[in-house]
Amino acid sequence: MTDSALTELHHRSADGIEVSLLWSRVTNALTVAVEDSRSGLSFEVPAPAEKALDVFEHPFAYAA
C-alpha cells in the first residue's frame, strides 16, 4: 500500500515513541502504527472502528 493511500487521523509522541492512527482509503481499514526510536521496535495493529481510539491509546496491549 502506498503512503498516499493512507490518511493519518491522529498522532501522539512521548519519550521516543510515535503512535499514529491511520485510515486506508483503499481498504477502509484502520491501523495503529507504533515506532519506538529508542529500541528500534515498530509494529502495526489492526484497529476495528469501534475500538480504534482504545487501540490508539493502548497499542502495546493489543499487540500482545
C-alpha atoms as a PDB file:
ATOM      1  CA  MET A   1       0.000   0.000   0.000  1.00  0.00           C
ATOM      2  CA  THR A   2       1.364   3.423  -0.872  1.00  0.00           C
ATOM      3  CA  ASP A   3       1.665   6.243   1.625  1.00  0.00           C
ATOM      4  CA  SER A   4      -0.759   8.341  -0.438  1.00  0.00           C
ATOM      5  CA  ALA A   5      -3.452   5.739   0.227  1.00  0.00           C
ATOM      6  CA  LEU A   6      -3.124   6.339   3.987  1.00  0.00           C
ATOM      7  CA  THR A   7      -4.504   9.241   5.978  1.00  0.00           C
ATOM      8  CA  GLU A   8      -3.230   9.973   9.467  1.00  0.00           C
ATOM      9  CA  LEU A   9      -6.260  10.603  11.684  1.00  0.00           C
ATOM     10  CA  HIS A  10      -4.463  11.046  14.990  1.00  0.00           C
ATOM     11  CA  HIS A  11      -0.856  11.152  16.200  1.00  0.00           C
ATOM     12  CA  ARG A  12       0.946  11.333  19.511  1.00  0.00           C
ATOM     13  CA  SER A  13       4.537  11.077  20.648  1.00  0.00           C
ATOM     14  CA  ALA A  14       6.253  10.770  24.013  1.00  0.00           C
ATOM     15  CA  ASP A  15       9.638   9.579  25.208  1.00  0.00           C
ATOM     16  CA  GLY A  16      10.741   8.398  21.744  1.00  0.00           C
ATOM     17  CA  ILE A  17       7.518   6.517  20.959  1.00  0.00           C
ATOM     18  CA  GLU A  18       5.421   7.655  17.995  1.00  0.00           C
ATOM     19  CA  VAL A  19       1.850   6.362  17.660  1.00  0.00           C
ATOM     20  CA  SER A  20      -0.333   7.043  14.614  1.00  0.00           C
ATOM     21  CA  LEU A  21      -3.931   6.121  13.832  1.00  0.00           C
ATOM     22  CA  LEU A  22      -4.094   5.512  10.094  1.00  0.00           C
ATOM     23  CA  TRP A  23      -7.013   5.062   7.717  1.00  0.00           C
ATOM     24  CA  SER A  24      -6.643   3.329   4.363  1.00  0.00           C
ATOM     25  CA  ARG A  25      -8.628   4.883   1.522  1.00  0.00           C
ATOM     26  CA  VAL A  26      -8.191   1.658  -0.432  1.00  0.00           C
ATOM     27  CA  THR A  27      -9.463  -0.860   2.138  1.00  0.00           C
ATOM     28  CA  ASN A  28     -11.316   1.480   4.540  1.00  0.00           C
ATOM     29  CA  ALA A  29      -9.360  -0.217   7.354  1.00  0.00           C
ATOM     30  CA  LEU A  30      -7.958   1.475  10.453  1.00  0.00           C
ATOM     31  CA  THR A  31      -4.486   0.643  11.726  1.00  0.00           C
ATOM     32  CA  VAL A  32      -2.369   1.883  14.598  1.00  0.00           C
ATOM     33  CA  ALA A  33       1.333   2.194  13.763  1.00  0.00           C
ATOM     34  CA  VAL A  34       3.923   2.363  16.545  1.00  0.00           C
ATOM     35  CA  GLU A  35       7.612   3.293  16.262  1.00  0.00           C
ATOM     36  CA  ASP A  36       9.993   3.277  19.220  1.00  0.00           C
ATOM     37  CA  SER A  37      13.150   5.191  18.269  1.00  0.00           C
ATOM     38  CA  ARG A  38      14.981   4.009  21.393  1.00  0.00           C
ATOM     39  CA  SER A  39      14.625   0.276  20.778  1.00  0.00           C
ATOM     40  CA  GLY A  40      14.066   0.323  17.022  1.00  0.00           C
ATOM     41  CA  LEU A  41      10.807  -1.583  17.548  1.00  0.00           C
ATOM     42  CA  SER A  42       7.979  -0.857  15.123  1.00  0.00           C
ATOM     43  CA  PHE A  43       4.698  -2.621  14.529  1.00  0.00           C
ATOM     44  CA  GLU A  44       1.151  -2.147  13.286  1.00  0.00           C
ATOM     45  CA  VAL A  45      -2.057  -3.301  14.911  1.00  0.00           C
ATOM     46  CA  PRO A  46      -5.453  -3.550  13.187  1.00  0.00           C
ATOM     47  CA  ALA A  47      -7.946  -1.213  14.850  1.00  0.00           C
ATOM     48  CA  PRO A  48     -11.621  -2.116  14.476  1.00  0.00           C
ATOM     49  CA  ALA A  49     -13.683   1.083  14.147  1.00  0.00           C
ATOM     50  CA  GLU A  50     -15.488   0.515  17.450  1.00  0.00           C
ATOM     51  CA  LYS A  51     -12.161   0.172  19.330  1.00  0.00           C
ATOM     52  CA  ALA A  52      -9.899   2.438  17.260  1.00  0.00           C
ATOM     53  CA  LEU A  53      -9.273   5.024  19.975  1.00  0.00           C
ATOM     54  CA  ASP A  54      -8.654   2.346  22.595  1.00  0.00           C
ATOM     55  CA  VAL A  55      -6.121   0.643  20.306  1.00  0.00           C
ATOM     56  CA  PHE A  56      -4.550   4.073  19.680  1.00  0.00           C
ATOM     57  CA  GLU A  57      -4.259   4.760  23.424  1.00  0.00           C
ATOM     58  CA  HIS A  58      -3.020   1.239  24.361  1.00  0.00           C
ATOM     59  CA  PRO A  59      -1.312  -0.264  21.301  1.00  0.00           C
ATOM     60  CA  PHE A  60       1.094  -2.441  23.291  1.00  0.00           C
ATOM     61  CA  ALA A  61      -1.840  -4.207  24.959  1.00  0.00           C
ATOM     62  CA  TYR A  62      -3.365  -5.016  21.588  1.00  0.00           C
ATOM     63  CA  ALA A  63      -0.041  -6.141  20.097  1.00  0.00           C
ATOM     64  CA  ALA A  64       0.453  -8.803  22.771  1.00  0.00           C
END
